[in-house]
């Protein structure tokens, strides 16, 4: 079996970009949820 390292490195690059994109989207969603919680929270008492 012959492994072409150029193809492997290109695949890892694409995978890394995809994982980075997912991480960025998760962070944005978490910040939006945090902001909406702060904006819409009512103080008890």
PDB file of N, CA and C in Angstrom:
ATOM      1  N   UNK A   1       0.847  -1.181   0.000  1.00  0.00           N
ATOM      2  CA  UNK A   1       0.000   0.000   0.000  1.00  0.00           C
ATOM      3  C   UNK A   1       0.887   1.237   0.000  1.00  0.00           C
ATOM      4  N   UNK A   2       0.595   2.143  -0.906  1.00  0.00           N
ATOM      5  CA  UNK A   2       1.409   3.342  -1.058  1.00  0.00           C
ATOM      6  C   UNK A   2       0.630   4.548  -0.530  1.00  0.00           C
ATOM      7  N   UNK A   3       1.230   5.275   0.407  1.00  0.00           N
ATOM      8  CA  UNK A   3       0.589   6.452   0.988  1.00  0.00           C
ATOM      9  C   UNK A   3       1.243   7.693   0.410  1.00  0.00           C
ATOM     10  N   UNK A   4       0.427   8.537  -0.207  1.00  0.00           N
ATOM     11  CA  UNK A   4       0.922   9.781  -0.780  1.00  0.00           C
ATOM     12  C   UNK A   4       0.830  10.860   0.301  1.00  0.00           C
ATOM     13  N   UNK A   5       1.972  11.281   0.820  1.00  0.00           N
ATOM     14  CA  UNK A   5       1.989  12.225   1.941  1.00  0.00           C
ATOM     15  C   UNK A   5       1.434  13.595   1.554  1.00  0.00           C
ATOM     16  N   UNK A   6       1.542  13.970   0.287  1.00  0.00           N
ATOM     17  CA  UNK A   6       0.967  15.245  -0.150  1.00  0.00           C
ATOM     18  C   UNK A   6      -0.553  15.238   0.030  1.00  0.00           C
ATOM     19  N   UNK A   7      -1.167  14.122  -0.327  1.00  0.00           N
ATOM     20  CA  UNK A   7      -2.620  13.995  -0.184  1.00  0.00           C
ATOM     21  C   UNK A   7      -3.006  13.974   1.295  1.00  0.00           C
ATOM     22  N   UNK A   8      -2.224  13.283   2.109  1.00  0.00           N
ATOM     23  CA  UNK A   8      -2.505  13.223   3.546  1.00  0.00           C
ATOM     24  C   UNK A   8      -2.415  14.617   4.164  1.00  0.00           C
ATOM     25  N   UNK A   9      -1.386  15.370   3.817  1.00  0.00           N
ATOM     26  CA  UNK A   9      -1.233  16.714   4.383  1.00  0.00           C
ATOM     27  C   UNK A   9      -2.351  17.638   3.921  1.00  0.00           C
ATOM     28  N   UNK A  10      -2.781  17.502   2.662  1.00  0.00           N
ATOM     29  CA  UNK A  10      -3.883  18.315   2.161  1.00  0.00           C
ATOM     30  C   UNK A  10      -5.182  17.960   2.899  1.00  0.00           C
ATOM     31  N   UNK A  11      -5.394  16.679   3.137  1.00  0.00           N
ATOM     32  CA  UNK A  11      -6.589  16.238   3.856  1.00  0.00           C
ATOM     33  C   UNK A  11      -6.578  16.764   5.295  1.00  0.00           C
ATOM     34  N   UNK A  12      -5.429  16.733   5.945  1.00  0.00           N
ATOM     35  CA  UNK A  12      -5.330  17.252   7.310  1.00  0.00           C
ATOM     36  C   UNK A  12      -5.580  18.759   7.343  1.00  0.00           C
ATOM     37  N   UNK A  13      -5.124  19.456   6.327  1.00  0.00           N
ATOM     38  CA  UNK A  13      -5.355  20.897   6.241  1.00  0.00           C
ATOM     39  C   UNK A  13      -6.844  21.194   6.114  1.00  0.00           C
ATOM     40  N   UNK A  14      -7.517  20.462   5.251  1.00  0.00           N
ATOM     41  CA  UNK A  14      -8.964  20.657   5.062  1.00  0.00           C
ATOM     42  C   UNK A  14      -9.707  20.312   6.350  1.00  0.00           C
ATOM     43  N   UNK A  15      -9.321  19.213   6.997  1.00  0.00           N
ATOM     44  CA  UNK A  15      -9.960  18.808   8.238  1.00  0.00           C
ATOM     45  C   UNK A  15      -9.746  19.848   9.330  1.00  0.00           C
ATOM     46  N   UNK A  16      -8.557  20.401   9.406  1.00  0.00           N
ATOM     47  CA  UNK A  16      -8.267  21.423  10.403  1.00  0.00           C
ATOM     48  C   UNK A  16      -9.111  22.667  10.205  1.00  0.00           C
ATOM     49  N   UNK A  17      -9.281  23.085   8.955  1.00  0.00           N
ATOM     50  CA  UNK A  17     -10.130  24.246   8.668  1.00  0.00           C
ATOM     51  C   UNK A  17     -11.574  23.972   9.060  1.00  0.00           C
ATOM     52  N   UNK A  18     -12.043  22.765   8.796  1.00  0.00           N
ATOM     53  CA  UNK A  18     -13.406  22.392   9.166  1.00  0.00           C
ATOM     54  C   UNK A  18     -13.607  22.398  10.667  1.00  0.00           C
ATOM     55  N   UNK A  19     -12.656  21.841  11.393  1.00  0.00           N
ATOM     56  CA  UNK A  19     -12.755  21.806  12.855  1.00  0.00           C
ATOM     57  C   UNK A  19     -12.673  23.205  13.435  1.00  0.00           C
ATOM     58  N   UNK A  20     -11.832  24.051  12.876  1.00  0.00           N
ATOM     59  CA  UNK A  20     -11.741  25.436  13.323  1.00  0.00           C
ATOM     60  C   UNK A  20     -13.063  26.161  13.082  1.00  0.00           C
ATOM     61  N   UNK A  21     -13.667  25.923  11.936  1.00  0.00           N
ATOM     62  CA  UNK A  21     -14.962  26.532  11.635  1.00  0.00           C
ATOM     63  C   UNK A  21     -16.034  26.109  12.624  1.00  0.00           C
ATOM     64  N   UNK A  22     -16.067  24.820  12.957  1.00  0.00           N
ATOM     65  CA  UNK A  22     -17.037  24.322  13.931  1.00  0.00           C
ATOM     66  C   UNK A  22     -16.800  24.968  15.286  1.00  0.00           C
ATOM     67  N   UNK A  23     -15.552  25.071  15.710  1.00  0.00           N
ATOM     68  CA  UNK A  23     -15.218  25.686  16.993  1.00  0.00           C
ATOM     69  C   UNK A  23     -15.669  27.144  17.026  1.00  0.00           C
ATOM     70  N   UNK A  24     -15.427  27.876  15.951  1.00  0.00           N
ATOM     71  CA  UNK A  24     -15.818  29.289  15.890  1.00  0.00           C
ATOM     72  C   UNK A  24     -17.335  29.425  15.993  1.00  0.00           C
ATOM     73  N   UNK A  25     -18.078  28.573  15.282  1.00  0.00           N
ATOM     74  CA  UNK A  25     -19.537  28.635  15.334  1.00  0.00           C
ATOM     75  C   UNK A  25     -20.047  28.326  16.743  1.00  0.00           C
ATOM     76  N   UNK A  26     -19.467  27.335  17.403  1.00  0.00           N
ATOM     77  CA  UNK A  26     -19.881  26.998  18.767  1.00  0.00           C
ATOM     78  C   UNK A  26     -19.626  28.167  19.708  1.00  0.00           C
ATOM     79  N   UNK A  27     -18.478  28.827  19.578  1.00  0.00           N
ATOM     80  CA  UNK A  27     -18.170  29.982  20.424  1.00  0.00           C
ATOM     81  C   UNK A  27     -19.162  31.114  20.174  1.00  0.00           C
ATOM     82  N   UNK A  28     -19.487  31.373  18.915  1.00  0.00           N
ATOM     83  CA  UNK A  28     -20.451  32.431  18.596  1.00  0.00           C
ATOM     84  C   UNK A  28     -21.814  32.111  19.195  1.00  0.00           C
ATOM     85  N   UNK A  29     -22.276  30.872  19.074  1.00  0.00           N
ATOM     86  CA  UNK A  29     -23.567  30.488  19.643  1.00  0.00           C
ATOM     87  C   UNK A  29     -23.543  30.626  21.158  1.00  0.00           C
ATOM     88  N   UNK A  30     -22.449  30.211  21.792  1.00  0.00           N
ATOM     89  CA  UNK A  30     -22.349  30.326  23.246  1.00  0.00           C
ATOM     90  C   UNK A  30     -22.387  31.789  23.680  1.00  0.00           C
ATOM     91  N   UNK A  31     -21.718  32.664  22.962  1.00  0.00           N
ATOM     92  CA  UNK A  31     -21.740  34.094  23.299  1.00  0.00           C
ATOM     93  C   UNK A  31     -23.128  34.690  23.098  1.00  0.00           C
ATOM     94  N   UNK A  32     -23.823  34.283  22.049  1.00  0.00           N
ATOM     95  CA  UNK A  32     -25.186  34.765  21.832  1.00  0.00           C
ATOM     96  C   UNK A  32     -26.118  34.311  22.947  1.00  0.00           C
ATOM     97  N   UNK A  33     -26.003  33.066  23.361  1.00  0.00           N
ATOM     98  CA  UNK A  33     -26.838  32.559  24.453  1.00  0.00           C
ATOM     99  C   UNK A  33     -26.531  33.315  25.737  1.00  0.00           C
ATOM    100  N   UNK A  34     -25.266  33.542  26.011  1.00  0.00           N
ATOM    101  CA  UNK A  34     -24.870  34.289  27.206  1.00  0.00           C
ATOM    102  C   UNK A  34     -25.429  35.708  27.165  1.00  0.00           C
ATOM    103  N   UNK A  35     -25.303  36.379  26.021  1.00  0.00           N
ATOM    104  CA  UNK A  35     -25.795  37.748  25.889  1.00  0.00           C
ATOM    105  C   UNK A  35     -27.315  37.796  26.039  1.00  0.00           C
ATOM    106  N   UNK A  36     -28.017  36.879  25.403  1.00  0.00           N
ATOM    107  CA  UNK A  36     -29.476  36.867  25.516  1.00  0.00           C
ATOM    108  C   UNK A  36     -29.917  36.572  26.947  1.00  0.00           C
ATOM    109  N   UNK A  37     -29.185  35.725  27.637  1.00  0.00           N
ATOM    110  CA  UNK A  37     -29.514  35.435  29.035  1.00  0.00           C
ATOM    111  C   UNK A  37     -29.343  36.681  29.885  1.00  0.00           C
ATOM    112  N   UNK A  38     -28.270  37.414  29.668  1.00  0.00           N
ATOM    113  CA  UNK A  38     -28.026  38.641  30.435  1.00  0.00           C
ATOM    114  C   UNK A  38     -29.067  39.717  30.111  1.00  0.00           C
ATOM    115  N   UNK A  39     -29.444  39.828  28.849  1.00  0.00           N
ATOM    116  CA  UNK A  39     -30.374  40.874  28.422  1.00  0.00           C
ATOM    117  C   UNK A  39     -31.790  40.590  28.934  1.00  0.00           C
ATOM    118  N   UNK A  40     -32.201  39.322  28.860  1.00  0.00           N
ATOM    119  CA  UNK A  40     -33.598  38.993  29.156  1.00  0.00           C
ATOM    120  C   UNK A  40     -33.835  38.519  30.580  1.00  0.00           C
ATOM    121  N   UNK A  41     -32.792  38.411  31.380  1.00  0.00           N
ATOM    122  CA  UNK A  41     -32.991  37.916  32.750  1.00  0.00           C
ATOM    123  C   UNK A  41     -33.701  38.969  33.595  1.00  0.00           C
ATOM    124  N   UNK A  42     -34.593  38.484  34.411  1.00  0.00           N
ATOM    125  CA  UNK A  42     -35.313  39.375  35.333  1.00  0.00           C
ATOM    126  C   UNK A  42     -34.783  39.145  36.724  1.00  0.00           C
ATOM    127  N   UNK A  43     -34.620  40.223  37.465  1.00  0.00           N
ATOM    128  CA  UNK A  43     -34.132  40.094  38.832  1.00  0.00           C
ATOM    129  C   UNK A  43     -35.304  39.729  39.748  1.00  0.00           C
ATOM    130  N   UNK A  44     -35.079  38.713  40.573  1.00  0.00           N
ATOM    131  CA  UNK A  44     -36.099  38.280  41.531  1.00  0.00           C
ATOM    132  C   UNK A  44     -35.926  39.091  42.811  1.00  0.00           C
ATOM    133  N   UNK A  45     -37.063  39.413  43.402  1.00  0.00           N
ATOM    134  CA  UNK A  45     -36.961  40.073  44.682  1.00  0.00           C
ATOM    135  C   UNK A  45     -37.539  41.423  44.652  1.00  0.00           C
TER     136      UNK A  45
END
